[in-house]
C-alpha atoms as a PDB file:
ATOM      1  CA  MET A   1      55.727 -23.048 -28.521  1.00  0.00           C
ATOM      2  CA  HIS A   2      54.843 -26.153 -26.533  1.00  0.00           C
ATOM      3  CA  ARG A   3      51.395 -27.470 -27.492  1.00  0.00           C
ATOM      4  CA  ALA A   4      50.017 -27.158 -23.933  1.00  0.00           C
ATOM      5  CA  TYR A   5      50.410 -23.337 -23.990  1.00  0.00           C
ATOM      6  CA  TRP A   6      48.709 -20.540 -25.856  1.00  0.00           C
ATOM      7  CA  ILE A   7      48.866 -16.745 -25.894  1.00  0.00           C
ATOM      8  CA  GLU A   8      45.688 -14.754 -25.356  1.00  0.00           C
ATOM      9  CA  ASP A   9      45.532 -10.965 -24.953  1.00  0.00           C
ATOM     10  CA  GLY A  10      49.270 -10.781 -24.300  1.00  0.00           C
ATOM     11  CA  VAL A  11      49.172 -13.484 -21.602  1.00  0.00           C
ATOM     12  CA  LEU A  12      50.867 -16.889 -21.813  1.00  0.00           C
ATOM     13  CA  LYS A  13      48.288 -19.434 -20.610  1.00  0.00           C
ATOM     14  CA  LYS A  14      48.202 -23.096 -19.645  1.00  0.00           C
ATOM     15  CA  LYS A  15      45.707 -25.453 -18.021  1.00  0.00           C
ATOM     16  CA  VAL A  16      47.307 -27.471 -15.215  1.00  0.00           C
ATOM     17  CA  LYS A  17      46.395 -30.010 -12.559  1.00  0.00           C
ATOM     18  CA  ARG A  18      47.960 -29.326  -9.189  1.00  0.00           C
ATOM     19  CA  SER A  19      48.280 -33.045  -8.398  1.00  0.00           C
ATOM     20  CA  LYS A  20      50.350 -33.529 -11.558  1.00  0.00           C
ATOM     21  CA  HIS A  21      52.100 -30.223 -12.325  1.00  0.00           C
ATOM     22  CA  PHE A  22      52.886 -28.596  -8.969  1.00  0.00           C
ATOM     23  CA  PHE A  23      56.507 -29.042  -7.806  1.00  0.00           C
ATOM     24  CA  ARG A  24      55.810 -29.808  -4.140  1.00  0.00           C
ATOM     25  CA  VAL A  25      59.454 -30.036  -3.038  1.00  0.00           C
ATOM     26  CA  ALA A  26      59.926 -26.324  -3.765  1.00  0.00           C
ATOM     27  CA  ASN A  27      56.265 -25.209  -3.532  1.00  0.00           C
ATOM     28  CA  ALA A  28      56.511 -23.880  -7.064  1.00  0.00           C
ATOM     29  CA  TRP A  29      54.828 -23.865 -10.449  1.00  0.00           C
ATOM     30  CA  GLY A  30      56.997 -24.443 -13.524  1.00  0.00           C
ATOM     31  CA  VAL A  31      56.714 -23.143 -17.069  1.00  0.00           C
ATOM     32  CA  ASP A  32      58.448 -24.610 -20.102  1.00  0.00           C
ATOM     33  CA  ARG A  33      61.604 -22.515 -20.541  1.00  0.00           C
ATOM     34  CA  ALA A  34      61.649 -22.418 -24.359  1.00  0.00           C
ATOM     35  CA  THR A  35      57.965 -21.488 -24.440  1.00  0.00           C
ATOM     36  CA  LEU A  36      58.480 -18.708 -21.895  1.00  0.00           C
ATOM     37  CA  VAL A  37      61.396 -17.289 -23.898  1.00  0.00           C
ATOM     38  CA  GLU A  38      59.355 -17.416 -27.115  1.00  0.00           C
ATOM     39  CA  ALA A  39      56.424 -15.712 -25.373  1.00  0.00           C
ATOM     40  CA  ILE A  40      58.677 -12.950 -24.025  1.00  0.00           C
ATOM     41  CA  VAL A  41      60.010 -12.322 -27.550  1.00  0.00           C
ATOM     42  CA  LYS A  42      56.382 -11.998 -28.700  1.00  0.00           C
ATOM     43  CA  GLY A  43      55.743  -9.333 -26.032  1.00  0.00           C
ATOM     44  CA  VAL A  44      53.960 -11.370 -23.367  1.00  0.00           C
ATOM     45  CA  GLU A  45      54.151  -9.721 -19.942  1.00  0.00           C
ATOM     46  CA  TYR A  46      52.182 -12.214 -17.817  1.00  0.00           C
ATOM     47  CA  VAL A  47      51.837 -15.955 -17.322  1.00  0.00           C
ATOM     48  CA  GLU A  48      48.560 -17.477 -16.178  1.00  0.00           C
ATOM     49  CA  LEU A  49      47.921 -21.035 -15.018  1.00  0.00           C
ATOM     50  CA  TYR A  50      44.399 -22.379 -14.599  1.00  0.00           C
ATOM     51  CA  ASP A  51      44.151 -25.310 -12.182  1.00  0.00           C
ATOM     52  CA  GLU A  52      41.461 -27.615 -13.571  1.00  0.00           C
ATOM     53  CA  GLU A  53      41.173 -29.470 -10.248  1.00  0.00           C
ATOM     54  CA  THR A  54      40.509 -26.502  -7.970  1.00  0.00           C
ATOM     55  CA  GLY A  55      39.282 -23.841 -10.390  1.00  0.00           C
ATOM     56  CA  ASP A  56      42.002 -21.476  -9.153  1.00  0.00           C
ATOM     57  CA  THR A  57      43.864 -19.184 -11.515  1.00  0.00           C
ATOM     58  CA  TYR A  58      47.478 -18.237 -10.797  1.00  0.00           C
ATOM     59  CA  SER A  59      49.151 -15.305 -12.533  1.00  0.00           C
ATOM     60  CA  ALA A  60      52.653 -13.882 -12.396  1.00  0.00           C
ATOM     61  CA  SER A  61      54.519 -11.265 -14.369  1.00  0.00           C
ATOM     62  CA  VAL A  62      57.396 -12.077 -16.674  1.00  0.00           C
ATOM     63  CA  ASP A  63      59.401  -9.668 -14.515  1.00  0.00           C
ATOM     64  CA  ASP A  64      58.770 -11.945 -11.508  1.00  0.00           C
ATOM     65  CA  PHE A  65      60.062 -14.923 -13.509  1.00  0.00           C
ATOM     66  CA  LEU A  66      63.175 -12.989 -14.505  1.00  0.00           C
ATOM     67  CA  ARG A  67      63.807 -11.807 -10.964  1.00  0.00           C
ATOM     68  CA  TRP A  68      62.737 -14.768  -8.806  1.00  0.00           C
ATOM     69  CA  GLY A  69      62.570 -17.764 -11.154  1.00  0.00           C
ATOM     70  CA  TRP A  70      65.109 -20.561 -11.492  1.00  0.00           C
ATOM     71  CA  VAL A  71      65.715 -23.153 -14.203  1.00  0.00           C
ATOM     72  CA  LEU A  72      65.518 -26.876 -13.560  1.00  0.00           C
ATOM     73  CA  ASP A  73      64.995 -29.984 -15.695  1.00  0.00           C
ATOM     74  CA  LEU A  74      63.096 -32.733 -13.898  1.00  0.00           C
ATOM     75  CA  GLY A  75      63.011 -34.971 -16.965  1.00  0.00           C
ATOM     76  CA  TYR A  76      60.308 -33.086 -18.880  1.00  0.00           C
ATOM     77  CA  GLY A  77      62.560 -30.477 -20.451  1.00  0.00           C
ATOM     78  CA  SER A  78      63.988 -27.282 -19.031  1.00  0.00           C
ATOM     79  CA  GLN A  79      61.464 -25.348 -16.936  1.00  0.00           C
ATOM     80  CA  VAL A  80      61.500 -22.013 -15.162  1.00  0.00           C
ATOM     81  CA  PHE A  81      60.059 -22.364 -11.666  1.00  0.00           C
ATOM     82  CA  LEU A  82      58.495 -19.672  -9.524  1.00  0.00           C
ATOM     83  CA  ARG A  83      57.489 -20.284  -5.913  1.00  0.00           C
ATOM     84  CA  GLU A  84      53.749 -20.239  -5.322  1.00  0.00           C
ATOM     85  CA  THR A  85      54.153 -17.253  -2.975  1.00  0.00           C
ATOM     86  CA  ARG A  86      55.177 -15.166  -6.017  1.00  0.00           C
ATOM     87  CA  TRP A  87      51.938 -15.858  -7.914  1.00  0.00           C
ATOM     88  CA  ARG A  88      48.656 -13.972  -7.600  1.00  0.00           C
ATOM     89  CA  LYS A  89      45.722 -16.281  -6.946  1.00  0.00           C
ATOM     90  CA  ASN A  90      42.312 -15.649  -8.495  1.00  0.00           C
ATOM     91  CA  GLY A  91      43.131 -12.022  -9.283  1.00  0.00           C
ATOM     92  CA  HIS A  92      43.954 -11.162  -5.676  1.00  0.00           C
ATOM     93  CA  GLY A  93      47.262 -10.421  -3.975  1.00  0.00           C
ATOM     94  CA  ARG A  94      50.080 -12.876  -3.915  1.00  0.00           C
ATOM     95  CA  VAL A  95      49.416 -16.160  -2.149  1.00  0.00           C
ATOM     96  CA  GLN A  96      51.890 -15.151   0.568  1.00  0.00           C
ATOM     97  CA  GLU A  97      50.214 -11.787   1.154  1.00  0.00           C
ATOM     98  CA  LYS A  98      46.853 -13.508   1.590  1.00  0.00           C
ATOM     99  CA  ALA A  99      48.327 -15.938   4.130  1.00  0.00           C
ATOM    100  CA  ILE A 100      49.866 -13.056   6.082  1.00  0.00           C
ATOM    101  CA  LYS A 101      46.533 -11.222   6.176  1.00  0.00           C
ATOM    102  CA  GLN A 102      44.781 -14.389   7.401  1.00  0.00           C
ATOM    103  CA  GLN A 103      47.419 -14.803  10.102  1.00  0.00           C
ATOM    104  CA  GLU A 104      46.985 -11.179  11.169  1.00  0.00           C
ATOM    105  CA  CYS A 105      43.252 -11.790  11.550  1.00  0.00           C
ATOM    106  CA  LEU A 106      43.886 -14.831  13.715  1.00  0.00           C
ATOM    107  CA  PHE A 107      46.013 -12.801  16.085  1.00  0.00           C
ATOM    108  CA  GLY A 108      43.913  -9.634  15.998  1.00  0.00           C
ATOM    109  CA  VAL A 109      46.633  -7.505  14.413  1.00  0.00           C
END
């Protein structure tokens, strides 16, 4: 397992900094592929990223990674990326769902 990750209560965790770790081109967060595979073998069902800059916590299920994730190596080793809209932010609905609800409020829907 990569040294930046740990498993706690069946959740793969990592501290990140959005300015450094967020893949802006695809609006996605990446997770080390080998670490994710190892965590899945150990029974992990969720991944959680804590952004040290904003205090936000992002969580996604392993199922979401398997269904929606894609593999890419940007020079730091093979990573599995998942668009930010697929993550839950601070224990609430997915980022996308929150944005839709805000938009609905703007237009009185």
